[in-house]
C-alpha atoms as a PDB file:
ATOM      1  CA  MET A   1     132.758 107.047 129.934  1.00  0.00           C
ATOM      2  CA  VAL A   2     129.675 107.851 127.856  1.00  0.00           C
ATOM      3  CA  GLN A   3     130.467 108.800 124.277  1.00  0.00           C
ATOM      4  CA  SER A   4     128.012 111.011 122.394  1.00  0.00           C
ATOM      5  CA  SER A   5     126.993 109.951 118.902  1.00  0.00           C
ATOM      6  CA  SER A   6     127.909 113.455 117.665  1.00  0.00           C
ATOM      7  CA  GLN A   7     131.545 112.581 118.337  1.00  0.00           C
ATOM      8  CA  LEU A   8     131.375 109.447 116.195  1.00  0.00           C
ATOM      9  CA  ARG A   9     132.290 109.352 112.507  1.00  0.00           C
ATOM     10  CA  VAL A  10     130.197 106.910 110.474  1.00  0.00           C
ATOM     11  CA  PHE A  11     130.895 105.807 106.904  1.00  0.00           C
ATOM     12  CA  VAL A  12     127.797 104.566 105.047  1.00  0.00           C
ATOM     13  CA  VAL A  13     128.579 102.646 101.856  1.00  0.00           C
ATOM     14  CA  ASP A  14     125.979 101.409  99.374  1.00  0.00           C
ATOM     15  CA  ASP A  15     126.192 101.360  95.577  1.00  0.00           C
ATOM     16  CA  HIS A  16     122.662 102.808  95.470  1.00  0.00           C
ATOM     17  CA  ASP A  17     123.017 106.533  96.111  1.00  0.00           C
ATOM     18  CA  VAL A  18     119.504 106.921  97.517  1.00  0.00           C
ATOM     19  CA  ILE A  19     120.211 104.268 100.169  1.00  0.00           C
ATOM     20  CA  ALA A  20     123.663 105.585 101.127  1.00  0.00           C
ATOM     21  CA  SER A  21     122.556 109.213 101.349  1.00  0.00           C
ATOM     22  CA  SER A  22     119.255 108.372 103.101  1.00  0.00           C
ATOM     23  CA  LEU A  23     121.023 106.307 105.750  1.00  0.00           C
ATOM     24  CA  ALA A  24     123.590 109.053 106.290  1.00  0.00           C
ATOM     25  CA  MET A  25     120.801 111.629 106.720  1.00  0.00           C
ATOM     26  CA  ILE A  26     118.944 109.377 109.171  1.00  0.00           C
ATOM     27  CA  LEU A  27     122.131 108.928 111.184  1.00  0.00           C
ATOM     28  CA  GLN A  28     122.812 112.668 111.174  1.00  0.00           C
ATOM     29  CA  PHE A  29     119.329 113.945 111.917  1.00  0.00           C
ATOM     30  CA  LEU A  30     117.867 111.191 114.096  1.00  0.00           C
ATOM     31  CA  GLY A  31     121.035 109.818 115.690  1.00  0.00           C
ATOM     32  CA  GLY A  32     123.257 112.876 115.802  1.00  0.00           C
ATOM     33  CA  PHE A  33     126.191 111.107 114.124  1.00  0.00           C
ATOM     34  CA  HIS A  34     128.792 112.665 111.832  1.00  0.00           C
ATOM     35  CA  ALA A  35     127.874 110.470 108.840  1.00  0.00           C
ATOM     36  CA  THR A  36     129.367 110.437 105.355  1.00  0.00           C
ATOM     37  CA  SER A  37     127.873 108.462 102.472  1.00  0.00           C
ATOM     38  CA  PHE A  38     129.771 106.718  99.684  1.00  0.00           C
ATOM     39  CA  THR A  39     128.538 104.873  96.605  1.00  0.00           C
ATOM     40  CA  ASP A  40     131.982 103.512  95.741  1.00  0.00           C
ATOM     41  CA  PRO A  41     133.616 101.364  98.431  1.00  0.00           C
ATOM     42  CA  ARG A  42     137.061 102.299  97.117  1.00  0.00           C
ATOM     43  CA  GLU A  43     136.320 105.960  97.913  1.00  0.00           C
ATOM     44  CA  ALA A  44     135.413 104.986 101.469  1.00  0.00           C
ATOM     45  CA  LEU A  45     138.691 103.089 101.717  1.00  0.00           C
ATOM     46  CA  ARG A  46     140.636 106.135 100.520  1.00  0.00           C
ATOM     47  CA  ALA A  47     138.752 108.394 102.952  1.00  0.00           C
ATOM     48  CA  ALA A  48     139.637 106.042 105.829  1.00  0.00           C
ATOM     49  CA  GLN A  49     143.296 106.846 105.211  1.00  0.00           C
ATOM     50  CA  PHE A  50     142.617 110.437 106.297  1.00  0.00           C
ATOM     51  CA  GLU A  51     139.704 110.079 108.723  1.00  0.00           C
ATOM     52  CA  SER A  52     139.268 106.866 110.673  1.00  0.00           C
ATOM     53  CA  PRO A  53     135.598 105.938 110.963  1.00  0.00           C
ATOM     54  CA  ASP A  54     134.226 104.774 114.304  1.00  0.00           C
ATOM     55  CA  LEU A  55     131.530 102.789 112.505  1.00  0.00           C
ATOM     56  CA  LEU A  56     131.275 101.383 108.994  1.00  0.00           C
ATOM     57  CA  ILE A  57     127.808 100.532 107.698  1.00  0.00           C
ATOM     58  CA  THR A  58     128.165  98.879 104.325  1.00  0.00           C
ATOM     59  CA  ASP A  59     126.101  97.001 101.801  1.00  0.00           C
ATOM     60  CA  VAL A  60     127.547  93.547 101.249  1.00  0.00           C
ATOM     61  CA  ILE A  61     126.992  93.116  97.507  1.00  0.00           C
ATOM     62  CA  MET A  62     128.562  95.899  95.440  1.00  0.00           C
ATOM     63  CA  PRO A  63     130.191  95.786  91.993  1.00  0.00           C
ATOM     64  CA  GLN A  64     133.590  97.314  92.813  1.00  0.00           C
ATOM     65  CA  LEU A  65     134.395  95.638  96.139  1.00  0.00           C
ATOM     66  CA  SER A  66     132.244  93.543  98.455  1.00  0.00           C
ATOM     67  CA  GLY A  67     131.220  95.066 101.754  1.00  0.00           C
ATOM     68  CA  VAL A  68     132.936  92.192 103.569  1.00  0.00           C
ATOM     69  CA  ASP A  69     136.245  92.907 101.819  1.00  0.00           C
ATOM     70  CA  LEU A  70     135.791  96.631 102.439  1.00  0.00           C
ATOM     71  CA  ALA A  71     135.160  95.976 106.141  1.00  0.00           C
ATOM     72  CA  ILE A  72     138.265  93.799 106.441  1.00  0.00           C
ATOM     73  CA  GLN A  73     140.435  96.411 104.708  1.00  0.00           C
ATOM     74  CA  ILE A  74     139.022  99.224 106.869  1.00  0.00           C
ATOM     75  CA  LEU A  75     139.648  97.154 110.010  1.00  0.00           C
ATOM     76  CA  ASP A  76     143.264  96.626 108.908  1.00  0.00           C
ATOM     77  CA  ARG A  77     143.663 100.431 108.963  1.00  0.00           C
ATOM     78  CA  CYS A  78     141.226 101.364 111.729  1.00  0.00           C
ATOM     79  CA  ARG A  79     141.360  98.618 114.350  1.00  0.00           C
ATOM     80  CA  ASN A  80     138.756 100.226 116.644  1.00  0.00           C
ATOM     81  CA  CYS A  81     136.135 100.664 113.921  1.00  0.00           C
ATOM     82  CA  LYS A  82     132.839  98.837 114.442  1.00  0.00           C
ATOM     83  CA  VAL A  83     131.187  97.209 111.422  1.00  0.00           C
ATOM     84  CA  LEU A  84     127.556  96.720 110.534  1.00  0.00           C
ATOM     85  CA  LEU A  85     126.875  94.897 107.271  1.00  0.00           C
ATOM     86  CA  PHE A  86     123.690  95.744 105.431  1.00  0.00           C
ATOM     87  CA  SER A  87     122.122  93.481 102.798  1.00  0.00           C
ATOM     88  CA  GLY A  88     118.954  92.428 101.090  1.00  0.00           C
ATOM     89  CA  GLN A  89     120.468  89.539  99.158  1.00  0.00           C
ATOM     90  CA  SER A  90     120.724  85.889 100.087  1.00  0.00           C
ATOM     91  CA  VAL A  91     124.342  85.451  98.876  1.00  0.00           C
ATOM     92  CA  THR A  92     125.389  87.505 101.877  1.00  0.00           C
ATOM     93  CA  ALA A  93     125.424  84.423 104.116  1.00  0.00           C
ATOM     94  CA  SER A  94     128.292  82.779 102.225  1.00  0.00           C
ATOM     95  CA  LEU A  95     130.371  85.983 102.240  1.00  0.00           C
ATOM     96  CA  VAL A  96     129.805  86.471 105.974  1.00  0.00           C
ATOM     97  CA  LYS A  97     130.664  82.805 106.625  1.00  0.00           C
ATOM     98  CA  SER A  98     133.880  83.223 104.637  1.00  0.00           C
ATOM     99  CA  ALA A  99     134.791  86.259 106.763  1.00  0.00           C
ATOM    100  CA  GLN A 100     134.014  84.317 109.954  1.00  0.00           C
ATOM    101  CA  ASP A 101     136.349  81.557 108.776  1.00  0.00           C
ATOM    102  CA  ARG A 102     139.050  84.255 108.516  1.00  0.00           C
ATOM    103  CA  GLY A 103     138.414  85.437 112.092  1.00  0.00           C
ATOM    104  CA  TYR A 104     135.990  88.337 111.501  1.00  0.00           C
ATOM    105  CA  ASP A 105     132.591  88.424 113.202  1.00  0.00           C
ATOM    106  CA  PHE A 106     130.334  90.970 111.513  1.00  0.00           C
ATOM    107  CA  GLU A 107     126.829  91.987 112.526  1.00  0.00           C
ATOM    108  CA  VAL A 108     124.396  91.822 109.576  1.00  0.00           C
ATOM    109  CA  LEU A 109     121.349  94.057 109.186  1.00  0.00           C
ATOM    110  CA  THR A 110     118.738  92.895 106.679  1.00  0.00           C
ATOM    111  CA  LYS A 111     117.156  95.288 104.181  1.00  0.00           C
ATOM    112  CA  PRO A 112     114.644  96.823 104.376  1.00  0.00           C
ATOM    113  CA  VAL A 113     115.250  98.439 107.744  1.00  0.00           C
ATOM    114  CA  HIS A 114     113.239 100.938 109.732  1.00  0.00           C
ATOM    115  CA  PRO A 115     115.286 103.916 111.013  1.00  0.00           C
ATOM    116  CA  ALA A 116     114.473 103.040 114.641  1.00  0.00           C
ATOM    117  CA  ASP A 117     115.775  99.502 114.079  1.00  0.00           C
ATOM    118  CA  LEU A 118     118.956 100.883 112.496  1.00  0.00           C
ATOM    119  CA  LEU A 119     119.631 103.145 115.482  1.00  0.00           C
ATOM    120  CA  SER A 120     118.867 100.299 117.886  1.00  0.00           C
ATOM    121  CA  ARG A 121     121.332  98.002 116.109  1.00  0.00           C
ATOM    122  CA  ILE A 122     124.019 100.701 116.188  1.00  0.00           C
ATOM    123  CA  GLN A 123     123.430 101.034 119.928  1.00  0.00           C
ATOM    124  CA  ARG A 124     123.992  97.268 120.280  1.00  0.00           C
ATOM    125  CA  VAL A 125     127.190  97.404 118.201  1.00  0.00           C
ATOM    126  CA  PHE A 126     128.545 100.039 120.598  1.00  0.00           C
ATOM    127  CA  ASP A 127     127.164  98.376 123.774  1.00  0.00           C
ATOM    128  CA  GLY A 128     130.614  97.967 125.316  1.00  0.00           C
ATOM    129  CA  THR A 129     131.349 101.682 124.958  1.00  0.00           C
ATOM    130  CA  ALA A 130     128.158 103.228 126.399  1.00  0.00           C
ATOM    131  CA  LEU A 131     127.005 105.193 123.371  1.00  0.00           C
ATOM    132  CA  GLN A 132     124.555 108.029 123.970  1.00  0.00           C
ATOM    133  CA  LEU A 133     122.524 109.010 120.930  1.00  0.00           C
ATOM    134  CA  SER A 134     122.182 112.759 120.473  1.00  0.00           C
ATOM    135  CA  SER A 135     118.625 114.099 120.541  1.00  0.00           C
ATOM    136  CA  PRO A 136     116.771 110.814 120.067  1.00  0.00           C
ATOM    137  CA  GLN A 137     113.583 111.343 118.117  1.00  0.00           C
ATOM    138  CA  SER A 138     110.781 109.069 117.107  1.00  0.00           C
ATOM    139  CA  PRO A 139     111.441 108.229 113.465  1.00  0.00           C
ATOM    140  CA  GLU A 140     108.169 108.062 111.595  1.00  0.00           C
ATOM    141  CA  SER A 141     109.512 107.409 108.127  1.00  0.00           C
ATOM    142  CA  GLY A 142     109.218 104.020 106.509  1.00  0.00           C
ATOM    143  CA  ALA A 143     111.808 101.322 106.016  1.00  0.00           C
ATOM    144  CA  LEU A 144     114.627 101.680 103.526  1.00  0.00           C
ATOM    145  CA  SER A 145     115.176  98.974 100.965  1.00  0.00           C
ATOM    146  CA  ALA A 146     117.070  98.270  97.763  1.00  0.00           C
ATOM    147  CA  GLY A 147     119.083  95.493  96.205  1.00  0.00           C
END
């Protein structure tokens, strides 16, 4: 069964508003996803109680709660959620390794990222479920980056 990206709910979490909102817009307009951005990982966690995301894209290093801890807590509530970690910092490796030691295997996307690369990685994350992106377009904007 082919699932359209317009049916998928994506939570984008980054403590930098410009990154979170830009990624959500890229996912909505270029990928056709139903994307919601959050700058506070605790808000995303609360939202997951009412609407289970199909995909969580989260920055790893955030002041309130790490993206790894957020992903683990979301997965405890939403077992079928896919996770894509997003980071531009080197300390990410130790956090991801710690999660792997606890039985979690997260895909990590390195900042900066070009929109086409982001959509390609999302396609790979959903490979087992035959995801069909809505109205694929050729993204011409530059890469997104931040701490």
